[in-house]
N, C-alpha and C. Protein backbone atom coordinates (compact mmCIF):
# COMPACT_ATOMS: atom_id res chain seq x y z
N MET A 1 -56.89 -48.99 39.95
CA MET A 1 -57.14 -47.60 39.66
C MET A 1 -57.90 -47.51 38.34
N GLY A 2 -58.89 -46.64 38.28
CA GLY A 2 -59.67 -46.47 37.07
C GLY A 2 -58.88 -45.74 35.99
N GLU A 3 -59.32 -45.91 34.77
CA GLU A 3 -58.67 -45.26 33.63
C GLU A 3 -58.89 -43.75 33.68
N LEU A 4 -57.83 -43.01 33.41
CA LEU A 4 -57.93 -41.56 33.33
C LEU A 4 -58.31 -41.16 31.91
N THR A 5 -59.06 -40.09 31.78
CA THR A 5 -59.42 -39.58 30.46
C THR A 5 -58.26 -38.76 29.90
N GLY A 6 -58.32 -38.47 28.60
CA GLY A 6 -57.30 -37.64 27.97
C GLY A 6 -57.23 -36.27 28.61
N LYS A 7 -58.38 -35.71 28.96
CA LYS A 7 -58.43 -34.39 29.60
C LYS A 7 -57.74 -34.43 30.96
N GLN A 8 -57.97 -35.47 31.72
CA GLN A 8 -57.35 -35.61 33.03
C GLN A 8 -55.84 -35.78 32.91
N LYS A 9 -55.40 -36.56 31.92
CA LYS A 9 -53.96 -36.75 31.71
C LYS A 9 -53.30 -35.44 31.30
N ARG A 10 -53.95 -34.66 30.43
CA ARG A 10 -53.41 -33.35 30.04
C ARG A 10 -53.28 -32.44 31.25
N TYR A 11 -54.29 -32.46 32.11
CA TYR A 11 -54.28 -31.66 33.33
C TYR A 11 -53.08 -32.04 34.21
N LEU A 12 -52.87 -33.35 34.38
CA LEU A 12 -51.76 -33.83 35.21
C LEU A 12 -50.41 -33.49 34.60
N ARG A 13 -50.29 -33.59 33.27
CA ARG A 13 -49.03 -33.22 32.61
C ARG A 13 -48.73 -31.74 32.84
N GLY A 14 -49.76 -30.92 32.84
CA GLY A 14 -49.57 -29.50 33.13
C GLY A 14 -49.07 -29.28 34.55
N LEU A 15 -49.62 -30.01 35.50
CA LEU A 15 -49.16 -29.91 36.89
C LEU A 15 -47.71 -30.37 37.04
N ALA A 16 -47.32 -31.35 36.25
CA ALA A 16 -45.99 -31.96 36.37
C ALA A 16 -44.90 -31.16 35.66
N HIS A 17 -45.29 -30.16 34.90
CA HIS A 17 -44.31 -29.42 34.08
C HIS A 17 -43.09 -28.96 34.89
N ASP A 18 -43.31 -28.40 36.06
CA ASP A 18 -42.21 -27.86 36.86
C ASP A 18 -41.66 -28.83 37.90
N LEU A 19 -42.17 -30.06 37.92
CA LEU A 19 -41.68 -31.04 38.89
C LEU A 19 -40.26 -31.48 38.57
N LYS A 20 -39.50 -31.70 39.60
CA LYS A 20 -38.18 -32.31 39.46
C LYS A 20 -38.37 -33.83 39.60
N PRO A 21 -37.51 -34.62 38.98
CA PRO A 21 -37.65 -36.08 39.14
C PRO A 21 -37.56 -36.49 40.60
N THR A 22 -38.45 -37.38 41.00
CA THR A 22 -38.49 -37.87 42.37
C THR A 22 -37.73 -39.19 42.49
N VAL A 23 -37.78 -39.98 41.43
CA VAL A 23 -37.17 -41.31 41.42
C VAL A 23 -36.29 -41.40 40.17
N TYR A 24 -35.11 -41.98 40.35
CA TYR A 24 -34.18 -42.17 39.23
C TYR A 24 -33.95 -43.65 39.03
N ILE A 25 -34.02 -44.10 37.78
CA ILE A 25 -33.75 -45.50 37.47
C ILE A 25 -32.36 -45.57 36.85
N GLY A 26 -31.44 -46.17 37.60
CA GLY A 26 -30.05 -46.23 37.18
C GLY A 26 -29.64 -47.63 36.77
N LYS A 27 -28.37 -47.92 36.97
CA LYS A 27 -27.79 -49.16 36.46
C LYS A 27 -28.36 -50.42 37.08
N HIS A 28 -28.99 -50.31 38.25
CA HIS A 28 -29.55 -51.50 38.90
C HIS A 28 -30.98 -51.79 38.46
N GLY A 29 -31.57 -50.88 37.71
CA GLY A 29 -32.92 -51.11 37.19
C GLY A 29 -34.00 -51.03 38.25
N LEU A 30 -35.01 -51.87 38.11
CA LEU A 30 -36.14 -51.88 39.03
C LEU A 30 -35.83 -52.77 40.22
N THR A 31 -35.38 -52.15 41.29
CA THR A 31 -35.05 -52.89 42.50
C THR A 31 -36.17 -52.73 43.52
N GLU A 32 -36.11 -53.52 44.56
CA GLU A 32 -37.09 -53.41 45.64
C GLU A 32 -37.02 -52.02 46.27
N ALA A 33 -35.81 -51.49 46.44
CA ALA A 33 -35.65 -50.15 47.02
C ALA A 33 -36.27 -49.09 46.12
N LEU A 34 -36.15 -49.26 44.82
CA LEU A 34 -36.75 -48.30 43.89
C LEU A 34 -38.27 -48.34 44.01
N TYR A 35 -38.84 -49.54 44.05
CA TYR A 35 -40.29 -49.66 44.21
C TYR A 35 -40.76 -49.01 45.51
N GLU A 36 -40.02 -49.23 46.59
CA GLU A 36 -40.39 -48.65 47.88
C GLU A 36 -40.33 -47.13 47.82
N SER A 37 -39.29 -46.60 47.20
CA SER A 37 -39.14 -45.16 47.06
C SER A 37 -40.27 -44.56 46.22
N ALA A 38 -40.60 -45.21 45.11
CA ALA A 38 -41.68 -44.74 44.25
C ALA A 38 -43.02 -44.83 44.96
N GLU A 39 -43.24 -45.90 45.71
CA GLU A 39 -44.48 -46.07 46.47
C GLU A 39 -44.66 -44.93 47.47
N GLU A 40 -43.61 -44.65 48.20
CA GLU A 40 -43.65 -43.57 49.19
C GLU A 40 -43.89 -42.22 48.51
N ALA A 41 -43.21 -41.97 47.40
CA ALA A 41 -43.38 -40.71 46.69
C ALA A 41 -44.80 -40.57 46.16
N LEU A 42 -45.36 -41.64 45.60
CA LEU A 42 -46.74 -41.59 45.11
C LEU A 42 -47.73 -41.34 46.23
N GLU A 43 -47.53 -41.97 47.35
CA GLU A 43 -48.46 -41.79 48.47
C GLU A 43 -48.40 -40.36 49.00
N HIS A 44 -47.22 -39.79 48.99
CA HIS A 44 -47.06 -38.43 49.52
C HIS A 44 -47.41 -37.35 48.51
N HIS A 45 -47.01 -37.53 47.25
CA HIS A 45 -47.18 -36.48 46.23
C HIS A 45 -48.30 -36.76 45.22
N GLU A 46 -48.66 -38.00 45.04
CA GLU A 46 -49.67 -38.45 44.07
C GLU A 46 -49.19 -38.40 42.62
N LEU A 47 -48.43 -37.40 42.25
CA LEU A 47 -47.93 -37.24 40.89
C LEU A 47 -46.41 -37.15 40.97
N ILE A 48 -45.72 -38.09 40.31
CA ILE A 48 -44.25 -38.09 40.38
C ILE A 48 -43.65 -38.17 38.98
N LYS A 49 -42.43 -37.69 38.89
CA LYS A 49 -41.67 -37.76 37.65
C LYS A 49 -40.50 -38.72 37.89
N VAL A 50 -40.37 -39.71 37.01
CA VAL A 50 -39.31 -40.71 37.11
C VAL A 50 -38.35 -40.49 35.95
N LYS A 51 -37.06 -40.39 36.26
CA LYS A 51 -36.05 -40.19 35.22
C LYS A 51 -35.30 -41.49 34.97
N PHE A 52 -35.17 -41.83 33.71
CA PHE A 52 -34.41 -43.01 33.31
C PHE A 52 -32.99 -42.59 32.98
N VAL A 53 -32.07 -42.83 33.91
CA VAL A 53 -30.66 -42.53 33.69
C VAL A 53 -30.06 -43.64 32.83
N ASP A 54 -30.43 -44.86 33.12
CA ASP A 54 -30.05 -46.03 32.33
C ASP A 54 -31.35 -46.71 31.86
N PHE A 55 -31.22 -47.75 31.08
CA PHE A 55 -32.38 -48.50 30.56
C PHE A 55 -33.30 -47.60 29.73
N LYS A 56 -32.73 -46.63 29.04
CA LYS A 56 -33.53 -45.68 28.26
C LYS A 56 -34.28 -46.37 27.14
N GLU A 57 -33.69 -47.39 26.56
CA GLU A 57 -34.34 -48.10 25.47
C GLU A 57 -35.51 -48.96 25.96
N GLU A 58 -35.47 -49.35 27.21
CA GLU A 58 -36.51 -50.22 27.77
C GLU A 58 -37.52 -49.46 28.62
N LYS A 59 -37.53 -48.13 28.55
CA LYS A 59 -38.35 -47.35 29.48
C LYS A 59 -39.84 -47.64 29.37
N LEU A 60 -40.35 -47.94 28.19
CA LEU A 60 -41.79 -48.22 28.07
C LEU A 60 -42.16 -49.53 28.78
N GLU A 61 -41.31 -50.55 28.63
CA GLU A 61 -41.56 -51.82 29.30
C GLU A 61 -41.43 -51.67 30.81
N LEU A 62 -40.41 -50.94 31.24
CA LEU A 62 -40.21 -50.74 32.68
C LEU A 62 -41.33 -49.89 33.27
N ALA A 63 -41.80 -48.90 32.53
CA ALA A 63 -42.91 -48.07 33.00
C ALA A 63 -44.16 -48.93 33.19
N ALA A 64 -44.39 -49.86 32.29
CA ALA A 64 -45.54 -50.75 32.41
C ALA A 64 -45.42 -51.62 33.67
N GLN A 65 -44.21 -52.06 33.98
CA GLN A 65 -43.99 -52.87 35.19
C GLN A 65 -44.24 -52.04 36.44
N ILE A 66 -43.82 -50.77 36.41
CA ILE A 66 -44.05 -49.88 37.56
C ILE A 66 -45.55 -49.66 37.74
N GLU A 67 -46.26 -49.42 36.65
CA GLU A 67 -47.72 -49.22 36.71
C GLU A 67 -48.40 -50.42 37.36
N GLU A 68 -48.04 -51.60 36.91
CA GLU A 68 -48.67 -52.82 37.43
C GLU A 68 -48.34 -53.05 38.90
N ARG A 69 -47.08 -52.90 39.25
CA ARG A 69 -46.64 -53.19 40.61
C ARG A 69 -47.19 -52.19 41.62
N LEU A 70 -47.24 -50.90 41.23
CA LEU A 70 -47.64 -49.86 42.18
C LEU A 70 -49.09 -49.40 42.00
N ASP A 71 -49.82 -50.03 41.10
CA ASP A 71 -51.21 -49.68 40.85
C ASP A 71 -51.36 -48.17 40.59
N CYS A 72 -50.55 -47.68 39.67
CA CYS A 72 -50.59 -46.28 39.28
C CYS A 72 -50.75 -46.21 37.77
N GLU A 73 -50.83 -45.00 37.24
CA GLU A 73 -51.01 -44.86 35.80
C GLU A 73 -49.99 -43.88 35.24
N SER A 74 -49.40 -44.25 34.13
CA SER A 74 -48.50 -43.37 33.41
C SER A 74 -49.36 -42.33 32.70
N VAL A 75 -49.04 -41.05 32.92
CA VAL A 75 -49.85 -39.99 32.32
C VAL A 75 -49.08 -39.20 31.26
N GLY A 76 -47.80 -39.52 31.08
CA GLY A 76 -47.04 -38.84 30.04
C GLY A 76 -45.59 -39.28 30.02
N LYS A 77 -44.99 -39.11 28.85
CA LYS A 77 -43.58 -39.44 28.66
C LYS A 77 -42.95 -38.27 27.94
N ILE A 78 -41.86 -37.74 28.50
CA ILE A 78 -41.15 -36.62 27.90
C ILE A 78 -39.67 -36.97 27.92
N GLY A 79 -39.09 -37.21 26.77
CA GLY A 79 -37.69 -37.59 26.72
C GLY A 79 -37.46 -38.86 27.52
N HIS A 80 -36.59 -38.76 28.52
CA HIS A 80 -36.27 -39.92 29.35
C HIS A 80 -36.97 -39.83 30.71
N HIS A 81 -38.08 -39.10 30.75
CA HIS A 81 -38.89 -38.96 31.96
C HIS A 81 -40.27 -39.57 31.71
N VAL A 82 -40.82 -40.20 32.75
CA VAL A 82 -42.18 -40.73 32.69
C VAL A 82 -42.90 -40.20 33.93
N LEU A 83 -44.14 -39.75 33.73
CA LEU A 83 -44.97 -39.23 34.81
C LEU A 83 -45.95 -40.30 35.25
N PHE A 84 -46.06 -40.48 36.57
CA PHE A 84 -46.97 -41.45 37.13
C PHE A 84 -47.92 -40.77 38.10
N PHE A 85 -49.17 -41.21 38.11
CA PHE A 85 -50.17 -40.65 39.02
C PHE A 85 -50.93 -41.77 39.71
N ARG A 86 -51.18 -41.54 40.99
CA ARG A 86 -52.07 -42.40 41.76
C ARG A 86 -52.61 -41.56 42.90
N PRO A 87 -53.94 -41.45 43.02
CA PRO A 87 -54.48 -40.67 44.14
C PRO A 87 -54.07 -41.31 45.46
N ALA A 88 -53.91 -40.47 46.48
CA ALA A 88 -53.58 -40.98 47.81
C ALA A 88 -54.67 -41.96 48.24
N ARG A 89 -54.27 -43.01 48.92
CA ARG A 89 -55.23 -44.05 49.31
C ARG A 89 -56.29 -43.50 50.28
N ALA A 90 -55.88 -42.60 51.18
CA ALA A 90 -56.84 -41.99 52.11
C ALA A 90 -57.42 -40.73 51.47
N PRO A 91 -58.74 -40.69 51.26
CA PRO A 91 -59.34 -39.53 50.59
C PRO A 91 -59.00 -38.19 51.23
N GLU A 92 -58.83 -38.15 52.54
CA GLU A 92 -58.52 -36.88 53.21
C GLU A 92 -57.11 -36.39 52.92
N HIS A 93 -56.24 -37.25 52.38
CA HIS A 93 -54.87 -36.86 52.04
C HIS A 93 -54.70 -36.49 50.57
N ARG A 94 -55.76 -36.58 49.79
CA ARG A 94 -55.67 -36.27 48.36
C ARG A 94 -55.49 -34.77 48.16
N GLN A 95 -54.47 -34.43 47.37
CA GLN A 95 -54.15 -33.03 47.11
C GLN A 95 -54.56 -32.61 45.71
N ILE A 96 -54.60 -33.55 44.77
CA ILE A 96 -54.89 -33.23 43.38
C ILE A 96 -56.36 -33.53 43.09
N LYS A 97 -57.05 -32.51 42.62
CA LYS A 97 -58.45 -32.66 42.23
C LYS A 97 -58.50 -32.75 40.70
N LEU A 98 -58.87 -33.91 40.19
CA LEU A 98 -58.94 -34.12 38.74
C LEU A 98 -60.18 -33.47 38.15
N PRO A 99 -60.09 -33.02 36.89
CA PRO A 99 -61.30 -32.52 36.21
C PRO A 99 -62.35 -33.62 36.14
N LYS A 100 -63.59 -33.23 36.23
CA LYS A 100 -64.71 -34.20 36.18
C LYS A 100 -64.78 -34.87 34.82
N VAL A 101 -65.25 -36.12 34.84
CA VAL A 101 -65.45 -36.88 33.61
C VAL A 101 -66.85 -36.53 33.08
N ALA A 102 -66.90 -36.13 31.82
CA ALA A 102 -68.21 -35.79 31.22
C ALA A 102 -69.06 -37.05 31.06
N GLY A 103 -70.33 -36.91 31.31
CA GLY A 103 -71.21 -38.05 31.07
C GLY A 103 -72.01 -38.33 32.22
């Protein structure tokens, strides 16, 4: 996935303001089931909010692992929540239209 600009990330954070967490990271951490759930949520919604119930101190490292594994990008962190974005793989299923990149 290509790098998002600051303007695009701000736009996505605005869209995510009213989102409820889709995925929760609890005492078992990053499990195969969690990755599958996040993958499905990203494919369906494109923008998801992940809540860290446990592992709050390690959330930045875990967020980086999620980004790498699911080929998505973290677009914001608010408290114990991290926002992830990845456009739907099929262009006809994309719901979020990002602001154009200047240049």
